[in-house]
């Protein structure tokens, strides 16, 4: 299925290369697809999925300001310290800057950390870079929404 999506996307991008407006919307759609794949991987505690859409030097800054490198984040998922039971995004926006994109969204998640339940309401910001024709997340910043 993934191969079919890549073939379709490549064909779509090739066909739209003469129209900058359509190419931009295709790039935006591809970034949003990668962002949604990332969120789905985190929501299902899928380390391979996270690896598939993040750069090797990716890091996440949590809502409390802790900087967590990719290896540490993956270990938290792999050993079950961090488990998500729900993660959803809304009001997603994509801004393109050449081969870099910034995605912002409202994010809500539910799960457990080290056996203790958590629930978050945050603004997430993802910085994506187009490398080898694939969008890779290089940084995720979470900011708690206080109400």
C-alpha atoms as a PDB file:
ATOM      1  CA  UNK A   1       0.000   0.000   0.000  1.00  0.00           C
ATOM      2  CA  UNK A   2       2.801   2.443   0.879  1.00  0.00           C
ATOM      3  CA  UNK A   3       4.489   1.800  -2.473  1.00  0.00           C
ATOM      4  CA  UNK A   4       1.241   2.603  -4.274  1.00  0.00           C
ATOM      5  CA  UNK A   5       0.916   5.877  -2.354  1.00  0.00           C
ATOM      6  CA  UNK A   6       4.492   6.826  -3.273  1.00  0.00           C
ATOM      7  CA  UNK A   7       3.957   5.956  -6.949  1.00  0.00           C
ATOM      8  CA  UNK A   8       0.702   7.926  -7.016  1.00  0.00           C
ATOM      9  CA  UNK A   9       2.328  10.895  -5.278  1.00  0.00           C
ATOM     10  CA  UNK A  10       5.306  10.847  -7.659  1.00  0.00           C
ATOM     11  CA  UNK A  11       2.991  10.689 -10.676  1.00  0.00           C
ATOM     12  CA  UNK A  12       0.893  13.495  -9.248  1.00  0.00           C
ATOM     13  CA  UNK A  13       3.947  15.678  -8.586  1.00  0.00           C
ATOM     14  CA  UNK A  14       5.376  14.981 -12.055  1.00  0.00           C
ATOM     15  CA  UNK A  15       2.089  15.893 -13.684  1.00  0.00           C
ATOM     16  CA  UNK A  16       1.809  19.126 -11.709  1.00  0.00           C
ATOM     17  CA  UNK A  17       5.396  20.304 -12.106  1.00  0.00           C
ATOM     18  CA  UNK A  18       4.346  22.905 -14.678  1.00  0.00           C
ATOM     19  CA  UNK A  19       1.880  24.569 -12.311  1.00  0.00           C
ATOM     20  CA  UNK A  20       3.535  26.147  -9.235  1.00  0.00           C
ATOM     21  CA  UNK A  21       0.225  26.573  -7.366  1.00  0.00           C
ATOM     22  CA  UNK A  22      -0.638  22.898  -7.767  1.00  0.00           C
ATOM     23  CA  UNK A  23       2.923  21.830  -6.923  1.00  0.00           C
ATOM     24  CA  UNK A  24       2.741  23.902  -3.728  1.00  0.00           C
ATOM     25  CA  UNK A  25      -0.540  22.293  -2.705  1.00  0.00           C
ATOM     26  CA  UNK A  26       0.946  18.866  -3.489  1.00  0.00           C
ATOM     27  CA  UNK A  27       3.928  19.629  -1.256  1.00  0.00           C
ATOM     28  CA  UNK A  28       1.592  20.843   1.468  1.00  0.00           C
ATOM     29  CA  UNK A  29      -0.454  17.652   1.137  1.00  0.00           C
ATOM     30  CA  UNK A  30       2.692  15.513   1.314  1.00  0.00           C
ATOM     31  CA  UNK A  31       3.915  17.294   4.452  1.00  0.00           C
ATOM     32  CA  UNK A  32       0.496  16.916   6.050  1.00  0.00           C
ATOM     33  CA  UNK A  33       0.467  13.213   5.140  1.00  0.00           C
ATOM     34  CA  UNK A  34       3.892  12.755   6.763  1.00  0.00           C
ATOM     35  CA  UNK A  35       2.715  14.672   9.857  1.00  0.00           C
ATOM     36  CA  UNK A  36      -0.337  12.429  10.124  1.00  0.00           C
ATOM     37  CA  UNK A  37       1.841   9.318   9.723  1.00  0.00           C
ATOM     38  CA  UNK A  38       4.008  10.614  12.559  1.00  0.00           C
ATOM     39  CA  UNK A  39       0.989  11.247  14.800  1.00  0.00           C
ATOM     40  CA  UNK A  40      -0.452   7.811  14.011  1.00  0.00           C
ATOM     41  CA  UNK A  41       2.880   6.160  14.849  1.00  0.00           C
ATOM     42  CA  UNK A  42       3.084   7.971  18.189  1.00  0.00           C
ATOM     43  CA  UNK A  43      -0.582   7.241  18.952  1.00  0.00           C
ATOM     44  CA  UNK A  44      -0.045   3.513  18.372  1.00  0.00           C
ATOM     45  CA  UNK A  45       3.369   3.361  20.073  1.00  0.00           C
ATOM     46  CA  UNK A  46       4.958   2.335  16.754  1.00  0.00           C
ATOM     47  CA  UNK A  47       8.719   2.932  16.934  1.00  0.00           C
ATOM     48  CA  UNK A  48       9.263   1.871  13.301  1.00  0.00           C
ATOM     49  CA  UNK A  49       6.657   4.389  12.180  1.00  0.00           C
ATOM     50  CA  UNK A  50       8.361   7.179  14.132  1.00  0.00           C
ATOM     51  CA  UNK A  51      11.737   6.197  12.649  1.00  0.00           C
ATOM     52  CA  UNK A  52      10.197   6.213   9.160  1.00  0.00           C
ATOM     53  CA  UNK A  53       9.257   9.903   9.225  1.00  0.00           C
ATOM     54  CA  UNK A  54      11.864  11.486  11.494  1.00  0.00           C
ATOM     55  CA  UNK A  55      15.455  12.504  10.841  1.00  0.00           C
ATOM     56  CA  UNK A  56      18.171  10.727  12.806  1.00  0.00           C
ATOM     57  CA  UNK A  57      18.814  13.918  14.775  1.00  0.00           C
ATOM     58  CA  UNK A  58      15.105  14.618  15.401  1.00  0.00           C
ATOM     59  CA  UNK A  59      14.213  15.766  18.865  1.00  0.00           C
ATOM     60  CA  UNK A  60      11.034  16.652  20.670  1.00  0.00           C
ATOM     61  CA  UNK A  61      10.598  19.416  23.201  1.00  0.00           C
ATOM     62  CA  UNK A  62       7.755  18.464  25.513  1.00  0.00           C
ATOM     63  CA  UNK A  63       5.191  20.785  27.078  1.00  0.00           C
ATOM     64  CA  UNK A  64       7.399  21.173  30.164  1.00  0.00           C
ATOM     65  CA  UNK A  65      10.433  22.252  28.127  1.00  0.00           C
ATOM     66  CA  UNK A  66      12.396  18.992  28.268  1.00  0.00           C
ATOM     67  CA  UNK A  67      14.476  18.268  25.159  1.00  0.00           C
ATOM     68  CA  UNK A  68      14.220  14.576  24.283  1.00  0.00           C
ATOM     69  CA  UNK A  69      16.426  13.141  21.507  1.00  0.00           C
ATOM     70  CA  UNK A  70      14.989  10.580  19.110  1.00  0.00           C
ATOM     71  CA  UNK A  71      16.846   7.631  20.671  1.00  0.00           C
ATOM     72  CA  UNK A  72      15.477   8.435  24.132  1.00  0.00           C
ATOM     73  CA  UNK A  73      11.931   8.967  22.810  1.00  0.00           C
ATOM     74  CA  UNK A  74      12.040   5.666  20.923  1.00  0.00           C
ATOM     75  CA  UNK A  75      13.276   3.886  24.041  1.00  0.00           C
ATOM     76  CA  UNK A  76      10.379   5.310  26.082  1.00  0.00           C
ATOM     77  CA  UNK A  77       7.924   3.857  23.542  1.00  0.00           C
ATOM     78  CA  UNK A  78       9.775   0.551  23.100  1.00  0.00           C
ATOM     79  CA  UNK A  79       9.977  -0.234  26.812  1.00  0.00           C
ATOM     80  CA  UNK A  80       6.397   0.868  27.494  1.00  0.00           C
ATOM     81  CA  UNK A  81       7.298   3.800  29.732  1.00  0.00           C
ATOM     82  CA  UNK A  82       5.302   6.051  27.370  1.00  0.00           C
ATOM     83  CA  UNK A  83       2.034   4.668  26.025  1.00  0.00           C
ATOM     84  CA  UNK A  84      -0.560   6.613  24.098  1.00  0.00           C
ATOM     85  CA  UNK A  85      -4.155   5.459  23.927  1.00  0.00           C
ATOM     86  CA  UNK A  86      -5.348   8.520  21.998  1.00  0.00           C
ATOM     87  CA  UNK A  87      -3.774  11.328  19.990  1.00  0.00           C
ATOM     88  CA  UNK A  88      -5.645  13.751  17.763  1.00  0.00           C
ATOM     89  CA  UNK A  89      -4.768  16.930  15.916  1.00  0.00           C
ATOM     90  CA  UNK A  90      -7.008  19.726  14.691  1.00  0.00           C
ATOM     91  CA  UNK A  91      -6.608  23.092  12.955  1.00  0.00           C
ATOM     92  CA  UNK A  92      -3.489  21.911  11.131  1.00  0.00           C
ATOM     93  CA  UNK A  93      -1.644  24.469   9.046  1.00  0.00           C
ATOM     94  CA  UNK A  94       1.326  23.959   6.741  1.00  0.00           C
ATOM     95  CA  UNK A  95       3.693  26.745   5.754  1.00  0.00           C
ATOM     96  CA  UNK A  96       6.285  25.998   3.084  1.00  0.00           C
ATOM     97  CA  UNK A  97       9.709  27.635   2.825  1.00  0.00           C
ATOM     98  CA  UNK A  98      11.340  25.885  -0.114  1.00  0.00           C
ATOM     99  CA  UNK A  99      12.500  22.468   1.112  1.00  0.00           C
ATOM    100  CA  UNK A 100      11.419  23.239   4.696  1.00  0.00           C
ATOM    101  CA  UNK A 101       7.915  23.215   6.134  1.00  0.00           C
ATOM    102  CA  UNK A 102       6.396  24.184   9.462  1.00  0.00           C
ATOM    103  CA  UNK A 103       3.241  22.426  10.632  1.00  0.00           C
ATOM    104  CA  UNK A 104       1.202  23.717  13.551  1.00  0.00           C
ATOM    105  CA  UNK A 105      -1.849  22.091  15.116  1.00  0.00           C
ATOM    106  CA  UNK A 106      -3.841  21.742  18.287  1.00  0.00           C
ATOM    107  CA  UNK A 107      -3.014  18.341  19.759  1.00  0.00           C
ATOM    108  CA  UNK A 108      -4.730  16.308  22.436  1.00  0.00           C
ATOM    109  CA  UNK A 109      -3.359  13.068  23.811  1.00  0.00           C
ATOM    110  CA  UNK A 110      -4.194  10.541  26.481  1.00  0.00           C
ATOM    111  CA  UNK A 111      -1.978   7.799  27.804  1.00  0.00           C
ATOM    112  CA  UNK A 112       0.343   6.770  30.582  1.00  0.00           C
ATOM    113  CA  UNK A 113       3.885   7.738  31.470  1.00  0.00           C
ATOM    114  CA  UNK A 114       5.714   5.371  33.795  1.00  0.00           C
ATOM    115  CA  UNK A 115       2.347   3.911  34.767  1.00  0.00           C
ATOM    116  CA  UNK A 116       0.724   7.245  35.643  1.00  0.00           C
ATOM    117  CA  UNK A 117      -2.128   8.538  33.471  1.00  0.00           C
ATOM    118  CA  UNK A 118      -1.785  11.790  31.557  1.00  0.00           C
ATOM    119  CA  UNK A 119      -3.956  13.950  29.349  1.00  0.00           C
ATOM    120  CA  UNK A 120      -2.576  16.851  27.323  1.00  0.00           C
ATOM    121  CA  UNK A 121      -3.969  19.795  25.415  1.00  0.00           C
ATOM    122  CA  UNK A 122      -1.117  21.373  23.450  1.00  0.00           C
ATOM    123  CA  UNK A 123      -0.080  23.317  20.408  1.00  0.00           C
ATOM    124  CA  UNK A 124       2.333  21.218  18.388  1.00  0.00           C
ATOM    125  CA  UNK A 125       4.840  22.627  15.955  1.00  0.00           C
ATOM    126  CA  UNK A 126       6.726  20.332  13.599  1.00  0.00           C
ATOM    127  CA  UNK A 127       9.658  21.397  11.440  1.00  0.00           C
ATOM    128  CA  UNK A 128       9.988  19.233   8.323  1.00  0.00           C
ATOM    129  CA  UNK A 129      12.764  19.069   5.723  1.00  0.00           C
ATOM    130  CA  UNK A 130      12.562  17.511   2.268  1.00  0.00           C
ATOM    131  CA  UNK A 131      15.512  15.121   2.013  1.00  0.00           C
ATOM    132  CA  UNK A 132      15.934  12.494  -0.721  1.00  0.00           C
ATOM    133  CA  UNK A 133      12.361  13.224  -1.895  1.00  0.00           C
ATOM    134  CA  UNK A 134      10.902  12.389   1.524  1.00  0.00           C
ATOM    135  CA  UNK A 135       9.646  14.788   4.167  1.00  0.00           C
ATOM    136  CA  UNK A 136      11.410  14.141   7.495  1.00  0.00           C
ATOM    137  CA  UNK A 137      10.584  15.779  10.788  1.00  0.00           C
ATOM    138  CA  UNK A 138      13.651  17.369  12.392  1.00  0.00           C
ATOM    139  CA  UNK A 139      11.995  18.992  15.420  1.00  0.00           C
ATOM    140  CA  UNK A 140       8.715  18.751  17.308  1.00  0.00           C
ATOM    141  CA  UNK A 141       7.824  21.427  19.875  1.00  0.00           C
ATOM    142  CA  UNK A 142       4.861  20.959  22.221  1.00  0.00           C
ATOM    143  CA  UNK A 143       3.427  23.919  24.097  1.00  0.00           C
ATOM    144  CA  UNK A 144       0.846  23.340  26.820  1.00  0.00           C
ATOM    145  CA  UNK A 145      -2.439  25.164  26.378  1.00  0.00           C
ATOM    146  CA  UNK A 146      -3.449  26.505  29.787  1.00  0.00           C
ATOM    147  CA  UNK A 147      -7.135  27.271  30.194  1.00  0.00           C
END
